[in-house]
Amino acid sequence: MPLEDGDPVRQRGQRVNDEVSRAGDPLLQGTPAPDGSMMEAMAEGWEPGPALGDGDVMPGGTPQRAGRHEEALMAELSELVQKVVKSSSWWERHGVDISILACSFLLLPAGFLCLRSAQAAPFLAGVLTLGVVHHTLTVKGSHLASHNALTESKSWGKVWAIFFIELCSAFTVEQATYNHVKIHHGYTNVIGLGDSSTWKLPFLNRYVYMFIAPLAVPIITPLVALDLLRNVEWKTALRTLCCMFLGLYCHYWVLLHVSGFQSPWSALLCMLLTRSLLAHPYIHVNIFQHIGLPMFAADRKPKRIHLMSLGVLNLPRNVLLDWSFGHSLISCHVEHHLFPSLSDNMCLKIKPIVSQYLKQKKLPYNEDTYISRLQLFLQRYEELMVHAPPITELVGIQ
């Protein structure tokens, strides 16, 4: 979570405001990263308003009539989903995902104690346990907290966001939420805004990027966070620094005093190992599900339902990744982008309704396997990750 569209290149954040302002969105004109109160409102389930320039791009009759048709489709789908949400219990809406996070916390003592063993099997079991727990808290927990999907309370939503994003993930809530919720979700696959360019490192070889660079994520994440603190108020920066330090130091202290590591360097190496255990699929998932799909100019993007159905892709269910990352980042990513305030379990529950509706209306519903996407990116790395993607012309979109 901390790096997903929590931009490591500060000038991108400045370009975001400039381009959105030029596109005419009154909500963002001239605004820097929002303050805490604004973040709470967006994390509560913010969804973007009418698409920029929709009237210029929709075929099939007059632009106004086409635009109304697209809005009617989204309204109809939203009504179907809302019925499911209203008929669901608290356990289905929040309890299942909270239980997964709670179970992860309960596994922490076992993981740290396994590292005390001099035998290979228990030690590796400890590394695996701590690696999975770390990614469950930092990816699944942070992602749900950024969308306020863990609770229906604003105040508790803010508390969980600080806990999962800053204490567990060593990142800053305001910048992570702004870039992910406001920009990536509001402008999915719009070039220069929500096009996942955060993940592109064109100076790296394809094999280095795909298989070696992910190991550096635990080191890069707090460094990026420190750089982004220059864009927030000093009180926010102080809070973030305290939370980041507390989270990292507690991990280090427990390895020394509970797991029994004899030297600081061995403890730090173990921290790096567990925190990068699932870094490869973490990076891969973030590029597989958007890059290589249709890209749009800010003034030529379609309405919301088309933007999300065209620019988002679902991967197959996977037990390990479903637990560690959550359904909304793996097999229900289309559903998550259409209804971002829903929890992972609710995204899974509405998946049959969303997929059936989109297919019935002859709208795209992108799905592909992990291996297929990996082969695609290795074969077309220069085109997808180095060169600027071509703008998709909305031909045939009805």
Protein backbone atom coordinates (compact mmCIF):
# COMPACT_ATOMS: atom_id res chain seq x y z
CA MET A 1 0.00 0.00 0.00
CA PRO A 2 2.48 2.71 0.93
CA LEU A 3 3.87 3.07 -2.55
CA GLU A 4 0.66 2.39 -4.47
CA ASP A 5 0.27 5.77 -6.13
CA GLY A 6 1.81 7.37 -3.09
CA ASP A 7 4.05 9.11 -5.54
CA PRO A 8 7.83 8.92 -5.03
CA VAL A 9 8.35 11.74 -7.49
CA ARG A 10 7.20 14.96 -5.93
CA GLN A 11 6.89 16.87 -9.16
CA ARG A 12 4.16 14.47 -10.23
CA GLY A 13 2.00 15.71 -7.35
CA GLN A 14 2.51 19.26 -8.56
CA ARG A 15 1.68 18.25 -12.13
CA VAL A 16 -1.50 16.59 -10.89
CA ASN A 17 -2.92 19.82 -9.52
CA ASP A 18 -1.88 21.80 -12.59
CA GLU A 19 -3.44 19.38 -15.05
CA VAL A 20 -6.65 18.86 -13.08
CA SER A 21 -7.01 22.62 -12.76
CA ARG A 22 -6.54 23.03 -16.50
CA ALA A 23 -9.11 20.31 -17.09
CA GLY A 24 -11.63 22.37 -15.14
CA ASP A 25 -12.29 20.32 -12.02
CA PRO A 26 -13.33 22.88 -9.39
CA LEU A 27 -12.62 20.46 -6.55
CA LEU A 28 -8.91 20.43 -7.25
CA GLN A 29 -8.08 23.79 -8.72
CA GLY A 30 -4.86 25.02 -7.17
CA THR A 31 -5.04 22.61 -4.22
CA PRO A 32 -1.97 21.00 -2.67
CA ALA A 33 -2.25 17.69 -0.84
CA PRO A 34 -5.46 18.00 1.22
CA ASP A 35 -5.53 18.41 4.97
CA GLY A 36 -6.69 15.75 7.40
CA SER A 37 -10.38 16.70 7.38
CA MET A 38 -10.54 16.52 3.62
CA MET A 39 -8.82 13.15 3.69
CA GLU A 40 -11.43 11.81 6.07
CA ALA A 41 -14.19 12.81 3.70
CA MET A 42 -12.51 11.19 0.72
CA ALA A 43 -11.59 8.01 2.58
CA GLU A 44 -15.22 7.69 3.65
CA GLY A 45 -16.12 6.64 0.11
CA TRP A 46 -15.36 9.52 -2.20
CA GLU A 47 -16.16 8.95 -5.83
CA PRO A 48 -15.32 11.28 -8.71
CA GLY A 49 -17.96 13.41 -10.27
CA PRO A 50 -18.74 13.68 -13.98
CA ALA A 51 -15.82 12.86 -16.25
CA LEU A 52 -13.85 15.68 -17.78
CA GLY A 53 -14.82 16.44 -21.34
CA ASP A 54 -17.37 13.61 -21.52
CA GLY A 55 -19.55 15.46 -23.92
CA ASP A 56 -16.75 15.55 -26.49
CA VAL A 57 -16.00 11.87 -26.63
CA MET A 58 -19.22 9.86 -26.46
CA PRO A 59 -20.57 8.55 -29.75
CA GLY A 60 -24.07 7.28 -30.43
CA GLY A 61 -26.31 10.33 -30.89
CA THR A 62 -25.74 13.68 -29.24
CA PRO A 63 -22.98 13.91 -26.63
CA GLN A 64 -25.52 14.90 -23.97
CA ARG A 65 -27.75 11.91 -24.68
CA ALA A 66 -24.77 9.54 -24.70
CA GLY A 67 -23.55 10.99 -21.42
CA ARG A 68 -26.98 10.52 -19.82
CA HIS A 69 -27.01 6.92 -21.01
CA GLU A 70 -23.65 6.26 -19.33
CA GLU A 71 -24.83 7.84 -16.09
CA ALA A 72 -27.99 5.72 -16.21
CA LEU A 73 -25.89 2.56 -16.55
CA MET A 74 -23.79 3.48 -13.52
CA ALA A 75 -26.89 4.41 -11.53
CA GLU A 76 -28.55 1.11 -12.38
CA LEU A 77 -25.49 -0.90 -11.38
CA SER A 78 -25.12 1.14 -8.17
CA GLU A 79 -28.73 0.37 -7.25
CA LEU A 80 -28.15 -3.37 -7.73
CA VAL A 81 -25.03 -3.24 -5.58
CA GLN A 82 -26.67 -1.09 -2.92
CA LYS A 83 -29.41 -3.69 -2.46
CA VAL A 84 -26.76 -6.32 -1.75
CA VAL A 85 -24.93 -4.04 0.69
CA LYS A 86 -28.12 -3.17 2.59
CA SER A 87 -29.07 -6.84 2.90
CA SER A 88 -25.60 -7.78 4.19
CA SER A 89 -24.76 -8.14 7.86
CA TRP A 90 -22.01 -6.23 9.69
CA TRP A 91 -19.96 -9.42 9.61
CA GLU A 92 -20.09 -9.47 5.80
CA ARG A 93 -19.49 -5.73 5.43
CA HIS A 94 -16.60 -5.42 7.88
CA GLY A 95 -16.26 -8.40 10.22
CA VAL A 96 -14.61 -10.86 7.83
CA ASP A 97 -11.78 -8.50 6.92
CA ILE A 98 -11.31 -7.30 10.51
CA SER A 99 -11.02 -10.95 11.57
CA ILE A 100 -8.30 -11.59 8.98
CA LEU A 101 -6.33 -8.62 10.29
CA ALA A 102 -6.89 -9.74 13.90
CA CYS A 103 -5.68 -13.26 13.08
CA SER A 104 -2.56 -11.76 11.55
CA PHE A 105 -1.82 -9.90 14.79
CA LEU A 106 -2.29 -13.12 16.76
CA LEU A 107 0.28 -14.86 14.54
CA LEU A 108 3.00 -12.32 15.36
CA PRO A 109 4.21 -13.94 18.62
CA ALA A 110 4.49 -17.36 16.95
CA GLY A 111 6.50 -15.87 14.09
CA PHE A 112 8.96 -14.06 16.36
CA LEU A 113 9.39 -17.12 18.60
CA CYS A 114 10.06 -19.40 15.60
CA LEU A 115 13.03 -17.18 14.74
CA ARG A 116 14.67 -18.24 18.02
CA SER A 117 15.20 -21.75 16.68
CA ALA A 118 18.60 -22.86 15.41
CA GLN A 119 16.93 -25.36 13.08
CA ALA A 120 16.15 -24.39 9.50
CA ALA A 121 12.50 -25.49 9.33
CA PRO A 122 11.16 -23.49 12.33
CA PHE A 123 13.29 -20.48 11.40
CA LEU A 124 11.96 -20.45 7.82
CA ALA A 125 8.43 -20.91 9.18
CA GLY A 126 9.00 -17.80 11.29
CA VAL A 127 10.23 -15.80 8.29
CA LEU A 128 7.25 -16.92 6.21
CA THR A 129 4.79 -16.13 9.00
CA LEU A 130 6.18 -12.66 9.66
CA GLY A 131 6.41 -11.91 5.94
CA VAL A 132 2.76 -12.80 5.33
CA VAL A 133 1.62 -10.95 8.46
CA HIS A 134 3.61 -7.85 7.47
CA HIS A 135 2.02 -7.69 4.02
CA THR A 136 -1.45 -8.39 5.38
CA LEU A 137 -1.17 -5.43 7.73
CA THR A 138 0.63 -3.07 5.36
CA VAL A 139 -1.12 -3.88 2.09
CA LYS A 140 -4.58 -5.18 2.99
CA GLY A 141 -4.86 -3.15 6.20
CA SER A 142 -3.53 0.08 4.71
CA HIS A 143 -5.62 -0.26 1.56
CA LEU A 144 -8.87 -0.82 3.45
CA ALA A 145 -8.03 1.97 5.91
CA SER A 146 -7.30 4.45 3.10
CA HIS A 147 -10.85 3.87 1.77
CA ASN A 148 -12.38 3.82 5.29
CA ALA A 149 -13.66 0.33 4.51
CA LEU A 150 -12.85 -1.08 7.96
CA THR A 151 -15.48 0.92 9.82
CA GLU A 152 -18.41 3.23 9.21
CA SER A 153 -17.04 5.74 11.73
CA LYS A 154 -14.98 8.68 10.46
CA SER A 155 -13.03 9.00 13.68
CA TRP A 156 -12.12 5.34 13.90
CA GLY A 157 -11.35 5.35 10.18
CA LYS A 158 -8.72 8.04 10.80
CA VAL A 159 -7.25 6.06 13.70
CA TRP A 160 -6.97 2.87 11.63
CA ALA A 161 -5.46 4.80 8.72
CA ILE A 162 -2.71 6.20 10.96
CA PHE A 163 -2.12 2.79 12.53
CA PHE A 164 -1.89 0.75 9.32
CA ILE A 165 -0.34 3.32 6.97
CA GLU A 166 2.06 5.16 9.28
CA LEU A 167 2.85 2.76 12.14
CA CYS A 168 2.82 -0.51 10.16
CA SER A 169 3.77 0.70 6.68
CA ALA A 170 6.08 3.64 7.47
CA PHE A 171 4.30 6.01 5.12
CA THR A 172 2.25 9.19 5.49
CA VAL A 173 -1.55 8.99 5.57
CA GLU A 174 -2.31 12.28 3.84
CA GLN A 175 -0.04 11.74 0.84
CA ALA A 176 -0.91 8.06 0.43
CA THR A 177 -4.64 8.71 0.61
CA TYR A 178 -4.50 11.73 -1.67
CA ASN A 179 -2.55 9.97 -4.40
CA HIS A 180 -4.45 6.70 -4.15
CA VAL A 181 -8.06 7.69 -3.41
CA LYS A 182 -8.29 11.08 -5.06
CA ILE A 183 -5.97 10.72 -8.04
CA HIS A 184 -5.60 7.03 -8.91
CA HIS A 185 -9.27 6.21 -8.32
CA GLY A 186 -10.63 9.47 -9.66
CA TYR A 187 -8.52 9.40 -12.83
CA THR A 188 -7.78 5.72 -13.44
CA ASN A 189 -5.57 5.32 -16.54
CA VAL A 190 -5.77 9.03 -17.37
CA ILE A 191 -2.29 9.92 -18.60
CA GLY A 192 -0.44 12.29 -16.29
CA LEU A 193 -2.85 11.68 -13.42
CA GLY A 194 -3.98 8.17 -12.50
CA ASP A 195 -2.03 6.21 -15.12
CA SER A 196 0.14 4.21 -12.63
CA SER A 197 3.28 6.01 -13.88
CA THR A 198 4.51 5.90 -10.28
CA TRP A 199 5.55 2.34 -10.98
CA LYS A 200 7.57 3.04 -14.14
CA LEU A 201 11.36 3.10 -13.83
CA PRO A 202 12.49 3.28 -17.47
CA PHE A 203 16.20 3.30 -16.60
CA LEU A 204 15.96 -0.27 -15.27
CA ASN A 205 16.38 -3.42 -17.32
CA ARG A 206 13.19 -5.54 -17.53
CA TYR A 207 14.62 -8.38 -15.45
CA VAL A 208 16.08 -6.04 -12.86
CA TYR A 209 12.76 -4.22 -12.55
CA MET A 210 10.60 -7.35 -12.39
CA PHE A 211 12.76 -9.57 -10.21
CA ILE A 212 15.43 -7.58 -8.31
CA ALA A 213 14.13 -4.04 -7.71
CA PRO A 214 11.13 -5.19 -5.59
CA LEU A 215 13.56 -6.27 -2.86
CA ALA A 216 14.27 -2.58 -2.25
CA VAL A 217 10.63 -1.66 -1.51
CA PRO A 218 11.06 -1.82 2.33
CA ILE A 219 13.98 0.63 2.06
CA ILE A 220 12.45 2.93 -0.55
CA THR A 221 9.08 3.28 1.20
CA PRO A 222 10.20 5.22 4.32
CA LEU A 223 12.66 7.29 2.26
CA VAL A 224 9.87 8.36 -0.09
CA ALA A 225 7.66 9.11 2.91
CA LEU A 226 10.34 11.35 4.44
CA ASP A 227 10.64 13.29 1.19
CA LEU A 228 6.86 13.75 0.95
CA LEU A 229 6.67 15.13 4.49
CA ARG A 230 7.85 18.44 3.10
CA ASN A 231 4.38 18.80 1.54
CA VAL A 232 2.40 18.48 4.79
CA GLU A 233 1.92 20.61 7.91
CA TRP A 234 4.56 20.33 10.62
CA LYS A 235 2.12 18.72 13.07
CA THR A 236 1.28 16.03 10.53
CA ALA A 237 4.96 15.54 9.73
CA LEU A 238 5.81 15.17 13.43
CA ARG A 239 3.03 12.62 13.94
CA THR A 240 4.15 10.64 10.91
CA LEU A 241 7.80 10.67 12.00
CA CYS A 242 6.86 9.39 15.46
CA CYS A 243 4.66 6.63 14.07
CA MET A 244 7.24 5.56 11.49
CA PHE A 245 10.03 5.45 14.06
CA LEU A 246 7.89 3.57 16.58
CA GLY A 247 6.84 0.94 14.06
CA LEU A 248 10.35 0.30 12.72
CA TYR A 249 12.02 0.38 16.13
CA CYS A 250 9.49 -2.00 17.70
CA HIS A 251 10.13 -4.53 14.92
CA TYR A 252 13.89 -4.19 15.43
CA TRP A 253 13.64 -4.37 19.25
CA VAL A 254 11.52 -7.54 19.23
CA LEU A 255 13.97 -9.27 16.87
CA LEU A 256 16.82 -8.50 19.28
CA HIS A 257 15.09 -9.21 22.60
CA VAL A 258 12.47 -11.85 21.72
CA SER A 259 13.81 -13.61 18.63
CA GLY A 260 17.33 -13.56 20.05
CA PHE A 261 19.34 -12.03 17.22
CA GLN A 262 22.89 -11.39 18.38
CA SER A 263 23.80 -8.39 16.22
CA PRO A 264 22.01 -5.31 14.90
CA TRP A 265 22.95 -6.20 11.32
CA SER A 266 21.40 -9.67 11.50
CA ALA A 267 18.19 -8.15 12.91
CA LEU A 268 18.10 -5.53 10.15
CA LEU A 269 18.68 -8.20 7.52
CA CYS A 270 15.78 -10.23 8.91
CA MET A 271 13.59 -7.11 8.83
CA LEU A 272 14.46 -6.62 5.15
CA LEU A 273 13.79 -10.28 4.38
CA THR A 274 10.35 -10.43 5.99
CA ARG A 275 9.26 -7.01 4.70
CA SER A 276 10.22 -7.91 1.12
CA LEU A 277 8.86 -11.47 1.15
CA LEU A 278 5.85 -10.62 -1.05
CA ALA A 279 7.29 -7.48 -2.63
CA HIS A 280 7.46 -9.12 -6.06
CA PRO A 281 3.74 -9.88 -6.39
CA TYR A 282 3.03 -6.51 -4.75
CA ILE A 283 4.85 -4.65 -7.52
CA HIS A 284 3.55 -6.98 -10.23
CA VAL A 285 -0.09 -6.65 -9.19
CA ASN A 286 0.13 -2.87 -9.25
CA ILE A 287 1.32 -2.81 -12.86
CA PHE A 288 -0.54 -5.85 -14.20
CA GLN A 289 -3.99 -4.46 -13.41
CA HIS A 290 -3.72 -1.10 -15.18
CA ILE A 291 -0.67 -0.67 -17.41
CA GLY A 292 -1.21 -2.11 -20.89
CA LEU A 293 -4.94 -1.36 -20.76
CA PRO A 294 -6.55 1.63 -22.56
CA MET A 295 -5.12 5.02 -21.56
CA PHE A 296 -6.92 8.36 -21.92
CA ALA A 297 -6.20 12.07 -22.09
CA ALA A 298 -7.67 14.17 -19.27
CA ASP A 299 -10.05 15.95 -21.65
CA ARG A 300 -10.95 12.78 -23.59
CA LYS A 301 -11.82 10.27 -20.91
CA PRO A 302 -15.10 8.38 -20.86
CA LYS A 303 -17.71 8.33 -18.11
CA ARG A 304 -16.99 6.47 -14.89
CA ILE A 305 -18.47 3.08 -15.78
CA HIS A 306 -16.50 2.91 -19.04
CA LEU A 307 -13.34 4.33 -17.48
CA MET A 308 -13.26 1.59 -14.86
CA SER A 309 -14.38 -1.28 -17.08
CA LEU A 310 -11.79 -0.38 -19.74
CA GLY A 311 -8.84 0.51 -17.51
CA VAL A 312 -8.98 -2.11 -14.74
CA LEU A 313 -8.24 -5.84 -14.77
CA ASN A 314 -8.98 -8.73 -12.41
CA LEU A 315 -6.51 -11.51 -11.65
CA PRO A 316 -7.62 -15.04 -10.61
CA ARG A 317 -8.18 -15.87 -6.97
CA ASN A 318 -5.06 -16.91 -5.07
CA VAL A 319 -5.17 -18.08 -1.45
CA LEU A 320 -1.94 -16.38 -0.38
CA LEU A 321 -2.54 -13.09 -2.19
CA ASP A 322 -6.23 -12.98 -1.28
CA TRP A 323 -5.25 -13.20 2.39
CA SER A 324 -2.27 -10.83 2.25
CA PHE A 325 -3.46 -8.23 -0.28
CA GLY A 326 -7.25 -8.65 -0.21
CA HIS A 327 -9.82 -9.49 -2.88
CA SER A 328 -10.13 -5.86 -3.96
CA LEU A 329 -6.51 -5.86 -5.13
CA ILE A 330 -6.57 -9.30 -6.78
CA SER A 331 -9.74 -10.91 -8.15
CA CYS A 332 -12.17 -8.03 -7.52
CA HIS A 333 -10.17 -5.02 -8.68
CA VAL A 334 -12.82 -3.98 -11.22
CA GLU A 335 -15.46 -4.10 -8.50
CA HIS A 336 -13.19 -2.15 -6.15
CA HIS A 337 -12.66 0.66 -8.67
CA LEU A 338 -16.38 0.92 -9.32
CA PHE A 339 -17.25 0.87 -5.58
CA PRO A 340 -14.07 1.80 -3.68
CA SER A 341 -15.60 2.19 -0.22
CA LEU A 342 -16.62 -1.49 -0.01
CA SER A 343 -14.53 -3.95 1.97
CA ASP A 344 -12.69 -6.86 0.37
CA ASN A 345 -15.37 -9.35 1.38
CA MET A 346 -18.15 -7.16 -0.03
CA CYS A 347 -16.25 -6.74 -3.31
CA LEU A 348 -16.15 -10.53 -3.52
CA LYS A 349 -19.87 -10.73 -2.75
CA ILE A 350 -20.90 -8.24 -5.48
CA LYS A 351 -18.50 -9.70 -8.06
CA PRO A 352 -21.12 -11.94 -9.77
CA ILE A 353 -23.55 -9.01 -10.03
CA VAL A 354 -20.96 -6.61 -11.48
CA SER A 355 -19.49 -9.10 -13.95
CA GLN A 356 -22.93 -10.22 -15.15
CA TYR A 357 -24.14 -6.63 -15.52
CA LEU A 358 -21.11 -5.43 -17.49
CA LYS A 359 -21.22 -8.44 -19.81
CA GLN A 360 -24.96 -8.08 -20.26
CA LYS A 361 -24.51 -4.42 -21.27
CA LYS A 362 -21.63 -5.45 -23.56
CA LEU A 363 -19.10 -3.48 -21.51
CA PRO A 364 -15.54 -4.76 -21.03
CA TYR A 365 -14.81 -6.97 -18.01
CA ASN A 366 -11.06 -7.56 -18.13
CA GLU A 367 -9.63 -10.74 -16.64
CA ASP A 368 -6.25 -12.44 -17.12
CA THR A 369 -3.90 -14.80 -15.30
CA TYR A 370 -0.82 -13.76 -13.34
CA ILE A 371 1.49 -15.82 -15.58
CA SER A 372 -0.06 -14.41 -18.74
CA ARG A 373 0.46 -10.82 -17.57
CA LEU A 374 4.02 -11.58 -16.45
CA GLN A 375 4.86 -12.96 -19.91
CA LEU A 376 3.21 -9.94 -21.55
CA PHE A 377 5.27 -7.46 -19.51
CA LEU A 378 8.52 -9.32 -20.15
CA GLN A 379 7.81 -9.40 -23.88
CA ARG A 380 6.55 -5.80 -24.20
CA TYR A 381 8.50 -4.13 -21.38
CA GLU A 382 9.90 -1.35 -23.59
CA GLU A 383 6.47 -0.47 -24.93
CA LEU A 384 4.56 -0.67 -21.65
CA MET A 385 7.09 0.49 -19.05
CA VAL A 386 9.63 2.67 -20.86
CA HIS A 387 7.80 4.56 -23.61
CA ALA A 388 4.78 6.78 -23.05
CA PRO A 389 1.56 4.83 -23.69
CA PRO A 390 -0.60 5.87 -26.66
CA ILE A 391 -3.88 7.63 -25.95
CA THR A 392 -6.91 5.42 -26.61
CA GLU A 393 -9.46 6.79 -29.04
CA LEU A 394 -12.99 6.02 -27.86
CA VAL A 395 -14.19 4.41 -31.07
CA GLY A 396 -17.11 2.01 -30.81
CA ILE A 397 -17.91 2.80 -27.17
CA GLN A 398 -21.68 2.84 -26.91
